[in-house]
Amino acid sequence: MKKILIFSLSYYPRFVGGAEVAIKEKTDRIRDIEFHMVTLRYDSVLPSISREGNVLVHRIGFSAKSPAIGDLQKFPMRLNKFLFQFLAAFKAISLHRKERYDATWAMMAHSCGVPAALFKLFYPRVPFVLELQEGDPPEYVERLMRPLWPLFSRAFTTANVVSVISTFLGNWARRRGFTGPVELVPNAVNTRHFSQEYPTHELDELKKKLGKRDSDIYLITTSRLVHKNAIDDCIRALPQMPDAVRFLILGTGPDETMLKKIAADLHVAERVIWLGQIDHKEMPKYLKASNIFIRPSRSEGMGISFVEAFAAGLPVIATQEGGIADFLFDAKRNPGQAPTGWAVDKDSPEQIAAAVKDILGNPDQVRRVIENARALALKKYDWDLIARNMRQKVFEPLLMKRQS
């Protein structure tokens, strides 16, 4: 059986984000390849080696007992991300002497490109796939990686194939000097989970818990509270909308205090409902209890939350920044495409308010757009399809290269 070594900054069962979910969903469906991984340990309760699904995980770095996410920024844990750039490469070299990997797979250039490039220096004949899932603007990532710029650049120039979750990230790979094949393999969603219907009494109970009246319109976002997700623009748009429009926020992040101050200063604090982190299993119910999904991102590698909202049957307001442009089509801005949402410019609360009013005033158009969006989610963003594409487009050519 072929073996692939994955570099990932974190993995199950702690501190899991979209990239880690993508690894698990793909590897669990590709059973004829043996996957190993080098990742950070973080939690000393976790063993240094364990099997998580179809991945044998090797953990390194500083750890503490059951740390909270804020503890990762404290000494010595805050050194982990920098040290990983070198320790992961040394660990991979050690493992390769025993396991003889057929390929390596780096999850994101800014976190794992450097160790993969170092490994490639020692073993140039082992094929290497670089997967780009970055959500931050490329300019920000490049500034962040300046101290390790030569090695960071090598991650692009020595990769055998680059897998990307959006056309936007594929263009970034080209700008960084990659000349080989770029394969578009987006992330997917559990469409069955997000399209499920709930009994009326369950939704009524949730609406009552949220304080939602029949006349209320709930905007909802499932977002980390960080600058790129532009939650501040949503709050700034509220004064321009009817009082019945309220804003439901599912998520936490460093900008929460600042965002609450903006809401208070604009006298809309009572119209913003902060729910914090909601279990992924419960998220579809909150979407179904709401009326409009919104996230006017300033940057986005792809943005799987939008596709989840498509599957749930909500009209979506978003920018077309980064990877969002691959699936969010606006009737006016993209006349050649079946519309799937309402596009606004970034940093434009006025356009957000106008989009909400347009949705509320055109129910027939909304029904058509929702149908288009749901059909797109079911057709293109299913994990079985994505795993099959990863196997056929990325891994099979890579492993054939190793044989030759």
Protein backbone atom coordinates (compact mmCIF):
# COMPACT_ATOMS: atom_id res chain seq x y z
CA MET A 1 0.00 0.00 0.00
CA LYS A 2 1.25 3.48 -0.89
CA LYS A 3 2.13 5.86 1.95
CA ILE A 4 1.69 9.64 2.07
CA LEU A 5 3.04 11.84 4.85
CA ILE A 6 0.92 14.89 5.73
CA PHE A 7 2.21 18.08 7.34
CA SER A 8 -0.53 19.85 9.32
CA LEU A 9 -0.21 22.42 12.10
CA SER A 10 -3.04 20.83 14.10
CA TYR A 11 -5.37 17.86 13.89
CA TYR A 12 -8.08 15.92 15.65
CA PRO A 13 -9.25 15.75 18.36
CA ARG A 14 -8.27 19.30 19.46
CA PHE A 15 -8.21 22.72 17.73
CA VAL A 16 -9.85 21.63 14.51
CA GLY A 17 -10.68 24.07 11.71
CA GLY A 18 -11.77 23.80 8.10
CA ALA A 19 -8.42 22.52 6.82
CA GLU A 20 -8.33 19.72 9.39
CA VAL A 21 -11.91 18.74 8.57
CA ALA A 22 -10.92 18.59 4.90
CA ILE A 23 -8.01 16.24 5.63
CA LYS A 24 -10.22 13.91 7.65
CA GLU A 25 -13.10 13.87 5.17
CA LYS A 26 -10.74 13.08 2.29
CA THR A 27 -8.52 10.52 4.02
CA ASP A 28 -11.47 8.66 5.55
CA ARG A 29 -12.76 8.08 2.02
CA ILE A 30 -9.42 7.08 0.46
CA ARG A 31 -8.85 3.69 2.02
CA ASP A 32 -6.23 2.31 -0.38
CA ILE A 33 -3.55 4.80 0.70
CA GLU A 34 -1.88 4.76 4.12
CA PHE A 35 -1.67 8.27 5.56
CA HIS A 36 0.76 9.43 8.24
CA MET A 37 0.94 12.93 9.70
CA VAL A 38 3.32 15.19 11.61
CA THR A 39 1.46 17.79 13.67
CA LEU A 40 1.70 19.77 16.90
CA ARG A 41 0.67 18.08 20.12
CA TYR A 42 -0.64 21.09 22.10
CA ASP A 43 -2.42 18.89 24.67
CA SER A 44 -0.22 16.67 26.85
CA VAL A 45 -3.22 14.41 27.47
CA LEU A 46 -2.97 13.29 23.86
CA PRO A 47 -0.52 10.49 23.07
CA SER A 48 2.51 11.28 20.95
CA ILE A 49 1.26 8.72 18.42
CA SER A 50 -2.36 7.77 17.75
CA ARG A 51 -4.63 6.75 14.91
CA GLU A 52 -7.34 9.23 13.97
CA GLY A 53 -9.53 7.67 11.31
CA ASN A 54 -7.30 6.72 8.38
CA VAL A 55 -4.34 8.81 9.59
CA LEU A 56 -1.49 7.71 11.87
CA VAL A 57 -0.71 10.92 13.74
CA HIS A 58 2.77 11.76 15.12
CA ARG A 59 2.67 14.72 17.53
CA ILE A 60 5.57 17.02 18.40
CA GLY A 61 6.21 20.33 20.15
CA PHE A 62 5.42 21.94 23.49
CA SER A 63 2.21 20.90 25.21
CA ALA A 64 0.14 21.55 28.33
CA LYS A 65 -2.65 19.65 30.01
CA SER A 66 -6.00 20.38 28.34
CA PRO A 67 -5.08 23.91 27.19
CA ALA A 68 -7.71 26.44 26.15
CA ILE A 69 -7.22 28.14 22.81
CA GLY A 70 -5.92 31.27 24.57
CA ASP A 71 -3.19 29.21 26.24
CA LEU A 72 -1.60 28.55 22.86
CA GLN A 73 -0.38 32.16 22.84
CA LYS A 74 1.41 31.81 26.19
CA PHE A 75 5.06 30.88 26.64
CA PRO A 76 6.35 28.33 25.67
CA MET A 77 3.35 27.22 23.59
CA ARG A 78 3.51 30.34 21.44
CA LEU A 79 6.87 29.14 20.09
CA ASN A 80 5.26 26.03 18.60
CA LYS A 81 4.29 27.46 15.22
CA PHE A 82 7.80 28.76 14.54
CA LEU A 83 9.59 25.67 15.83
CA PHE A 84 7.26 23.44 13.83
CA GLN A 85 8.79 24.80 10.63
CA PHE A 86 12.01 22.95 11.47
CA LEU A 87 11.04 20.24 13.97
CA ALA A 88 8.39 18.87 11.61
CA ALA A 89 10.98 18.50 8.85
CA PHE A 90 13.40 16.67 11.15
CA LYS A 91 10.60 14.40 12.39
CA ALA A 92 9.55 13.67 8.82
CA ILE A 93 13.11 12.79 7.82
CA SER A 94 13.35 10.42 10.78
CA LEU A 95 10.03 8.77 9.94
CA HIS A 96 10.92 8.46 6.26
CA ARG A 97 14.00 6.39 7.04
CA LYS A 98 11.65 3.79 8.50
CA GLU A 99 8.45 4.20 6.49
CA ARG A 100 9.77 5.17 3.02
CA TYR A 101 6.93 7.48 2.07
CA ASP A 102 5.76 7.63 -1.53
CA ALA A 103 4.74 11.31 -1.35
CA THR A 104 4.27 14.23 1.03
CA TRP A 105 1.28 16.56 1.41
CA ALA A 106 1.57 20.00 3.03
CA MET A 107 -1.65 21.58 4.29
CA MET A 108 -1.28 25.31 3.60
CA ALA A 109 1.85 27.16 2.51
CA HIS A 110 2.13 29.52 5.46
CA SER A 111 2.00 26.81 8.11
CA CYS A 112 3.46 23.72 6.45
CA GLY A 113 5.17 24.78 3.23
CA VAL A 114 8.53 25.32 4.93
CA PRO A 115 8.88 21.85 6.55
CA ALA A 116 7.74 20.22 3.31
CA ALA A 117 10.31 22.24 1.34
CA LEU A 118 13.05 21.24 3.81
CA PHE A 119 12.08 17.59 3.46
CA LYS A 120 12.21 18.00 -0.33
CA LEU A 121 15.79 19.28 -0.03
CA PHE A 122 16.82 15.98 1.56
CA TYR A 123 14.59 13.75 -0.58
CA PRO A 124 14.09 15.51 -3.94
CA ARG A 125 12.70 12.39 -5.62
CA VAL A 126 9.75 12.09 -3.22
CA PRO A 127 6.81 13.91 -4.88
CA PHE A 128 5.24 16.75 -2.93
CA VAL A 129 1.71 18.22 -3.10
CA LEU A 130 1.12 21.68 -1.67
CA GLU A 131 -2.51 22.34 -0.74
CA LEU A 132 -3.60 25.97 -0.46
CA GLN A 133 -6.50 26.68 1.89
CA GLU A 134 -5.40 30.09 3.18
CA GLY A 135 -8.23 32.41 4.19
CA ASP A 136 -6.07 35.45 4.92
CA PRO A 137 -5.03 37.76 2.06
CA PRO A 138 -1.88 36.53 0.26
CA GLU A 139 -0.18 39.86 1.01
CA TYR A 140 -0.66 39.27 4.74
CA VAL A 141 0.62 35.69 4.50
CA GLU A 142 3.69 36.83 2.58
CA ARG A 143 4.51 39.51 5.17
CA LEU A 144 4.14 36.89 7.90
CA MET A 145 6.59 34.55 6.16
CA ARG A 146 9.30 37.15 5.41
CA PRO A 147 11.69 35.73 8.07
CA LEU A 148 11.62 32.38 6.24
CA TRP A 149 11.16 33.74 2.74
CA PRO A 150 13.65 31.52 0.80
CA LEU A 151 12.15 28.33 2.24
CA PHE A 152 8.60 29.64 1.90
CA SER A 153 9.26 30.36 -1.78
CA ARG A 154 10.72 26.88 -2.26
CA ALA A 155 7.42 25.41 -1.11
CA PHE A 156 5.89 26.78 -4.31
CA THR A 157 8.78 26.22 -6.70
CA THR A 158 9.58 22.63 -5.63
CA ALA A 159 6.02 21.28 -5.30
CA ASN A 160 5.08 18.72 -7.95
CA VAL A 161 1.41 19.69 -7.87
CA VAL A 162 -0.59 22.40 -6.12
CA SER A 163 -4.12 21.62 -4.97
CA VAL A 164 -6.31 24.68 -4.32
CA ILE A 165 -9.79 25.25 -2.94
CA SER A 166 -10.42 28.26 -5.19
CA THR A 167 -9.35 29.83 -8.47
CA PHE A 168 -8.12 32.81 -6.45
CA LEU A 169 -5.57 30.64 -4.60
CA GLY A 170 -4.51 28.99 -7.85
CA ASN A 171 -3.63 32.42 -9.22
CA TRP A 172 -1.59 33.09 -6.07
CA ALA A 173 0.42 29.90 -6.68
CA ARG A 174 1.24 31.10 -10.19
CA ARG A 175 2.34 34.51 -8.90
CA ARG A 176 4.63 32.75 -6.45
CA GLY A 177 6.43 30.98 -9.30
CA PHE A 178 4.71 27.59 -9.49
CA THR A 179 4.71 26.30 -13.08
CA GLY A 180 3.31 22.79 -12.65
CA PRO A 181 -0.27 21.50 -12.58
CA VAL A 182 -2.77 23.37 -10.37
CA GLU A 183 -5.80 21.26 -9.45
CA LEU A 184 -9.00 22.89 -8.18
CA VAL A 185 -10.39 20.65 -5.44
CA PRO A 186 -12.64 22.77 -3.20
CA ASN A 187 -13.78 21.84 0.27
CA ALA A 188 -17.24 20.35 0.62
CA VAL A 189 -20.07 20.32 3.10
CA ASN A 190 -22.25 17.64 4.60
CA THR A 191 -25.16 18.64 2.41
CA ARG A 192 -27.49 16.10 4.00
CA HIS A 193 -26.78 17.57 7.44
CA PHE A 194 -27.36 21.17 6.41
CA SER A 195 -30.39 20.52 4.21
CA GLN A 196 -32.24 18.50 6.85
CA GLU A 197 -35.71 19.65 7.85
CA TYR A 198 -36.79 20.09 11.47
CA PRO A 199 -40.24 19.66 13.02
CA THR A 200 -42.07 22.96 13.32
CA HIS A 201 -42.24 22.70 17.10
CA GLU A 202 -38.42 22.39 17.35
CA LEU A 203 -37.88 25.52 15.29
CA ASP A 204 -40.57 27.35 17.26
CA GLU A 205 -38.82 26.43 20.51
CA LEU A 206 -35.51 27.76 19.20
CA LYS A 207 -37.12 30.97 17.93
CA LYS A 208 -38.71 31.49 21.34
CA LYS A 209 -35.33 30.92 23.02
CA LEU A 210 -33.78 33.52 20.70
CA GLY A 211 -36.61 35.98 21.30
CA LYS A 212 -37.67 35.94 17.66
CA ARG A 213 -41.16 37.26 16.95
CA ASP A 214 -43.15 36.49 13.81
CA SER A 215 -42.44 39.97 12.47
CA ASP A 216 -38.67 39.76 13.05
CA ILE A 217 -36.12 39.19 10.29
CA TYR A 218 -32.96 37.46 11.50
CA LEU A 219 -29.68 37.88 9.68
CA ILE A 220 -27.28 35.12 10.69
CA THR A 221 -23.53 34.64 10.37
CA THR A 222 -21.34 31.69 11.36
CA SER A 223 -17.97 33.37 11.55
CA ARG A 224 -14.84 33.84 13.58
CA LEU A 225 -14.89 37.37 14.94
CA VAL A 226 -11.84 38.63 13.07
CA HIS A 227 -11.22 41.58 10.76
CA LYS A 228 -11.36 39.61 7.50
CA ASN A 229 -14.94 38.45 8.14
CA ALA A 230 -16.23 42.05 8.33
CA ILE A 231 -18.81 41.52 11.06
CA ASP A 232 -18.36 45.23 11.81
CA ASP A 233 -19.86 46.08 8.41
CA CYS A 234 -22.95 44.01 9.23
CA ILE A 235 -23.43 45.92 12.49
CA ARG A 236 -22.85 49.27 10.75
CA ALA A 237 -25.60 48.35 8.27
CA LEU A 238 -28.26 47.76 10.94
CA PRO A 239 -29.22 51.44 11.46
CA GLN A 240 -30.04 51.59 7.74
CA MET A 241 -32.52 48.70 8.00
CA PRO A 242 -35.95 48.36 9.62
CA ASP A 243 -35.99 47.83 13.39
CA ALA A 244 -37.40 44.33 12.89
CA VAL A 245 -34.07 43.23 11.36
CA ARG A 246 -31.82 41.62 13.95
CA PHE A 247 -28.38 40.05 13.68
CA LEU A 248 -27.55 36.60 15.05
CA ILE A 249 -23.83 35.91 15.49
CA LEU A 250 -22.55 32.34 15.90
CA GLY A 251 -18.83 32.45 16.64
CA THR A 252 -16.11 33.86 18.84
CA GLY A 253 -12.87 35.70 18.24
CA PRO A 254 -10.52 38.50 19.26
CA ASP A 255 -12.72 41.26 17.78
CA GLU A 256 -15.73 40.54 20.00
CA THR A 257 -15.18 43.41 22.47
CA MET A 258 -14.59 45.89 19.65
CA LEU A 259 -17.70 44.72 17.80
CA LYS A 260 -19.87 45.06 20.90
CA LYS A 261 -18.63 48.63 21.31
CA ILE A 262 -19.57 49.45 17.71
CA ALA A 263 -23.07 48.06 18.32
CA ALA A 264 -23.42 50.14 21.49
CA ASP A 265 -22.12 53.32 19.84
CA LEU A 266 -24.62 52.90 16.98
CA HIS A 267 -27.46 52.20 19.43
CA VAL A 268 -28.19 48.78 17.90
CA ALA A 269 -26.83 46.60 20.73
CA GLU A 270 -30.32 45.25 21.48
CA ARG A 271 -30.59 44.08 17.85
CA VAL A 272 -27.39 41.98 17.95
CA ILE A 273 -27.56 38.51 19.53
CA TRP A 274 -24.23 36.97 20.52
CA LEU A 275 -24.39 33.18 20.81
CA GLY A 276 -20.69 32.31 20.89
CA GLN A 277 -19.52 28.93 19.67
CA ILE A 278 -22.38 26.64 18.64
CA ASP A 279 -21.87 22.92 18.12
CA HIS A 280 -21.64 22.05 14.43
CA LYS A 281 -24.42 19.49 14.89
CA GLU A 282 -26.81 22.25 15.97
CA MET A 283 -25.83 24.80 13.34
CA PRO A 284 -28.40 23.82 10.66
CA LYS A 285 -31.23 24.40 13.13
CA TYR A 286 -30.05 27.98 13.75
CA LEU A 287 -29.80 28.56 10.01
CA LYS A 288 -33.33 27.22 9.47
CA ALA A 289 -34.64 29.52 12.23
CA SER A 290 -33.12 32.54 10.47
CA ASN A 291 -33.97 34.41 7.27
CA ILE A 292 -30.75 35.59 5.58
CA PHE A 293 -27.11 34.45 5.81
CA ILE A 294 -24.48 37.18 5.69
CA ARG A 295 -20.71 37.47 5.73
CA PRO A 296 -19.28 40.39 3.70
CA SER A 297 -15.71 39.04 3.84
CA ARG A 298 -12.72 41.25 3.14
CA SER A 299 -10.80 38.14 2.08
CA GLU A 300 -11.65 34.45 1.78
CA GLY A 301 -9.75 31.41 0.56
CA MET A 302 -13.05 29.71 -0.18
CA GLY A 303 -15.65 30.13 2.58
CA ILE A 304 -17.43 26.86 3.27
CA SER A 305 -19.99 28.59 5.52
CA PHE A 306 -21.59 30.11 2.43
CA VAL A 307 -22.10 26.68 0.85
CA GLU A 308 -23.57 25.41 4.13
CA ALA A 309 -26.09 28.26 3.95
CA PHE A 310 -26.83 27.31 0.31
CA ALA A 311 -27.63 23.76 1.43
CA ALA A 312 -29.79 25.06 4.28
CA GLY A 313 -31.90 27.07 1.84
CA LEU A 314 -31.07 30.59 2.98
CA PRO A 315 -30.51 33.60 0.71
CA VAL A 316 -26.87 34.64 1.03
CA ILE A 317 -25.29 38.11 1.08
CA ALA A 318 -21.52 38.15 0.53
CA THR A 319 -18.71 39.88 -1.27
CA GLN A 320 -17.00 38.19 -4.20
CA GLU A 321 -13.55 38.46 -2.64
CA GLY A 322 -11.11 35.60 -3.09
CA GLY A 323 -12.64 32.17 -3.52
CA ILE A 324 -16.24 33.33 -2.99
CA ALA A 325 -16.33 34.35 -6.65
CA ASP A 326 -16.22 30.65 -7.62
CA PHE A 327 -19.77 30.02 -6.37
CA LEU A 328 -21.52 33.29 -5.38
CA PHE A 329 -23.09 34.63 -8.56
CA ASP A 330 -25.13 37.84 -8.55
CA ALA A 331 -27.92 38.53 -11.05
CA LYS A 332 -26.58 41.99 -11.92
CA ARG A 333 -22.82 41.37 -11.63
CA ASN A 334 -22.77 37.92 -13.27
CA PRO A 335 -25.46 38.01 -15.97
CA GLY A 336 -24.14 34.88 -17.66
CA GLN A 337 -24.55 32.72 -14.54
CA ALA A 338 -27.59 31.41 -12.70
CA PRO A 339 -27.68 33.67 -9.60
CA THR A 340 -26.87 32.03 -6.27
CA GLY A 341 -26.75 35.05 -3.95
CA TRP A 342 -26.49 38.80 -3.49
CA ALA A 343 -23.01 40.28 -3.99
CA VAL A 344 -21.83 43.46 -2.29
CA ASP A 345 -18.52 45.31 -2.32
CA LYS A 346 -16.29 44.90 0.71
CA ASP A 347 -16.43 47.66 3.33
CA SER A 348 -19.89 48.71 2.15
CA PRO A 349 -22.61 48.71 4.86
CA GLU A 350 -24.87 50.70 2.53
CA GLN A 351 -24.84 47.89 -0.05
CA ILE A 352 -25.54 45.33 2.69
CA ALA A 353 -28.64 47.26 3.75
CA ALA A 354 -29.77 47.55 0.13
CA ALA A 355 -29.31 43.80 -0.44
CA VAL A 356 -31.39 42.97 2.65
CA LYS A 357 -34.18 45.27 1.44
CA ASP A 358 -34.01 43.69 -2.03
CA ILE A 359 -34.36 40.20 -0.54
CA LEU A 360 -37.30 41.22 1.65
CA GLY A 361 -39.07 42.90 -1.26
CA ASN A 362 -38.69 40.16 -3.91
CA PRO A 363 -39.86 36.77 -2.58
CA ASP A 364 -40.23 35.16 -6.03
CA GLN A 365 -36.67 36.07 -6.99
CA VAL A 366 -35.43 34.81 -3.62
CA ARG A 367 -37.04 31.40 -4.21
CA ARG A 368 -35.32 31.06 -7.59
CA VAL A 369 -31.91 32.06 -6.21
CA ILE A 370 -32.25 29.65 -3.26
CA GLU A 371 -33.07 26.80 -5.67
CA ASN A 372 -30.00 27.60 -7.80
CA ALA A 373 -27.73 27.80 -4.76
CA ARG A 374 -28.97 24.55 -3.25
CA ALA A 375 -28.56 22.73 -6.57
CA LEU A 376 -24.98 24.02 -6.86
CA ALA A 377 -24.14 22.87 -3.32
CA LEU A 378 -25.51 19.38 -3.96
CA LYS A 379 -23.79 19.04 -7.34
CA LYS A 380 -20.29 20.40 -6.67
CA TYR A 381 -19.65 20.37 -2.92
CA ASP A 382 -20.22 16.78 -1.80
CA TRP A 383 -17.40 15.10 0.15
CA ASP A 384 -17.59 11.82 -1.80
CA LEU A 385 -17.04 13.75 -5.03
CA ILE A 386 -14.26 15.89 -3.55
CA ALA A 387 -12.38 12.88 -2.14
CA ARG A 388 -12.65 11.11 -5.50
CA ASN A 389 -11.28 14.17 -7.29
CA MET A 390 -8.41 14.44 -4.80
CA ARG A 391 -7.58 10.78 -5.41
CA GLN A 392 -7.77 10.95 -9.21
CA LYS A 393 -6.48 14.45 -9.95
CA VAL A 394 -3.78 14.81 -7.28
CA PHE A 395 -2.66 11.58 -5.64
CA GLU A 396 -2.74 9.16 -8.59
CA PRO A 397 -0.49 11.33 -10.85
CA LEU A 398 1.76 12.04 -7.89
CA LEU A 399 2.21 8.37 -7.02
CA MET A 400 2.78 7.47 -10.68
CA LYS A 401 5.56 10.07 -10.75
CA ARG A 402 7.14 8.33 -7.74
CA GLN A 403 7.06 4.97 -9.58
CA SER A 404 8.75 6.44 -12.65
